[in-house]
Amino acid sequence: MNREWVLVHLQEAQDQLTRTIKEISDNPDYDFGEFFPAMQHLYHHLNTAWNSRDASDTELAHQTNVTYKRWCSMPADLVMFE
């Protein structure tokens, strides 16, 4: 597992989640217009942390649009419910 890469993305996800919770708590007008992009950003980093966890530094340095999209996608190998 590429620990440094995973940690970067998990930290970004944590930061986004913390911001989102604070904004929802503090702003009574917070609605879908703010929530939607916040959740996109959160899932982008969670998905990337999981899907690219085994990527080498070379793969990270030479990622393509196809690789990027695959890494950002919802995980296919992570069972959410049974």
Protein backbone atom coordinates (compact mmCIF):
# COMPACT_ATOMS: atom_id res chain seq x y z
CA MET A 1 0.00 0.00 0.00
CA ASN A 2 1.26 3.46 -0.90
CA ARG A 3 0.83 4.93 2.58
CA GLU A 4 1.84 8.51 1.76
CA TRP A 5 -0.59 8.70 -1.17
CA VAL A 6 -3.43 7.17 0.83
CA LEU A 7 -2.78 9.53 3.75
CA VAL A 8 -2.90 12.59 1.49
CA HIS A 9 -6.31 11.59 0.19
CA LEU A 10 -7.68 10.56 3.58
CA GLN A 11 -6.55 13.88 5.06
CA GLU A 12 -8.27 15.77 2.23
CA ALA A 13 -11.43 13.72 2.84
CA GLN A 14 -11.26 14.42 6.57
CA ASP A 15 -10.81 18.14 5.95
CA GLN A 16 -13.80 18.20 3.59
CA LEU A 17 -15.98 16.26 6.01
CA THR A 18 -15.02 18.59 8.87
CA ARG A 19 -15.79 21.65 6.71
CA THR A 20 -19.12 20.21 5.60
CA ILE A 21 -20.22 19.39 9.14
CA LYS A 22 -19.26 22.88 10.33
CA GLU A 23 -21.03 24.59 7.42
CA ILE A 24 -24.22 22.58 7.95
CA SER A 25 -24.10 23.31 11.69
CA ASP A 26 -23.35 27.02 11.32
CA ASN A 27 -25.37 27.99 8.27
CA PRO A 28 -29.15 27.56 8.45
CA ASP A 29 -29.35 28.31 4.71
CA TYR A 30 -26.95 25.50 3.76
CA ASP A 31 -28.67 23.35 1.18
CA PHE A 32 -28.16 21.00 -1.73
CA GLY A 33 -26.25 23.61 -3.75
CA GLU A 34 -23.41 23.50 -1.22
CA PHE A 35 -23.86 19.88 -0.14
CA PHE A 36 -23.58 18.31 -3.59
CA PRO A 37 -20.06 19.59 -4.49
CA ALA A 38 -18.86 18.99 -0.93
CA MET A 39 -19.88 15.34 -1.16
CA GLN A 40 -18.34 15.03 -4.64
CA HIS A 41 -15.06 16.28 -3.24
CA LEU A 42 -15.27 13.99 -0.22
CA TYR A 43 -15.99 10.88 -2.30
CA HIS A 44 -13.32 11.80 -4.82
CA HIS A 45 -10.69 11.56 -2.11
CA LEU A 46 -12.15 8.49 -0.38
CA ASN A 47 -12.48 6.64 -3.67
CA THR A 48 -9.00 7.63 -4.81
CA ALA A 49 -7.47 6.55 -1.50
CA TRP A 50 -9.05 3.13 -1.87
CA ASN A 51 -8.79 2.52 -5.61
CA SER A 52 -5.19 3.69 -5.98
CA ARG A 53 -3.87 2.39 -2.67
CA ASP A 54 -1.41 0.05 -4.38
CA ALA A 55 -0.24 2.47 -7.08
CA SER A 56 3.50 2.88 -7.36
CA ASP A 57 5.15 6.29 -7.39
CA THR A 58 5.80 5.76 -11.11
CA GLU A 59 2.11 5.04 -11.76
CA LEU A 60 1.14 8.14 -9.80
CA ALA A 61 3.60 10.30 -11.73
CA HIS A 62 2.34 9.03 -15.09
CA GLN A 63 -1.39 8.71 -14.50
CA THR A 64 -3.69 9.24 -17.46
CA ASN A 65 -7.24 10.57 -17.64
CA VAL A 66 -8.44 6.95 -17.82
CA THR A 67 -6.48 6.03 -14.69
CA TYR A 68 -7.67 9.16 -12.89
CA LYS A 69 -11.32 8.37 -13.69
CA ARG A 70 -10.89 4.77 -12.58
CA TRP A 71 -9.31 5.83 -9.28
CA CYS A 72 -12.05 8.40 -8.60
CA SER A 73 -14.89 5.96 -9.29
CA MET A 74 -16.90 4.25 -6.60
CA PRO A 75 -14.99 1.10 -5.58
CA ALA A 76 -16.11 -2.10 -7.27
CA ASP A 77 -14.23 -4.31 -4.82
CA LEU A 78 -15.50 -2.84 -1.55
CA VAL A 79 -18.68 -4.55 -0.40
CA MET A 80 -20.82 -1.95 1.35
CA PHE A 81 -23.77 -4.15 2.39
CA GLU A 82 -24.35 -7.82 2.77
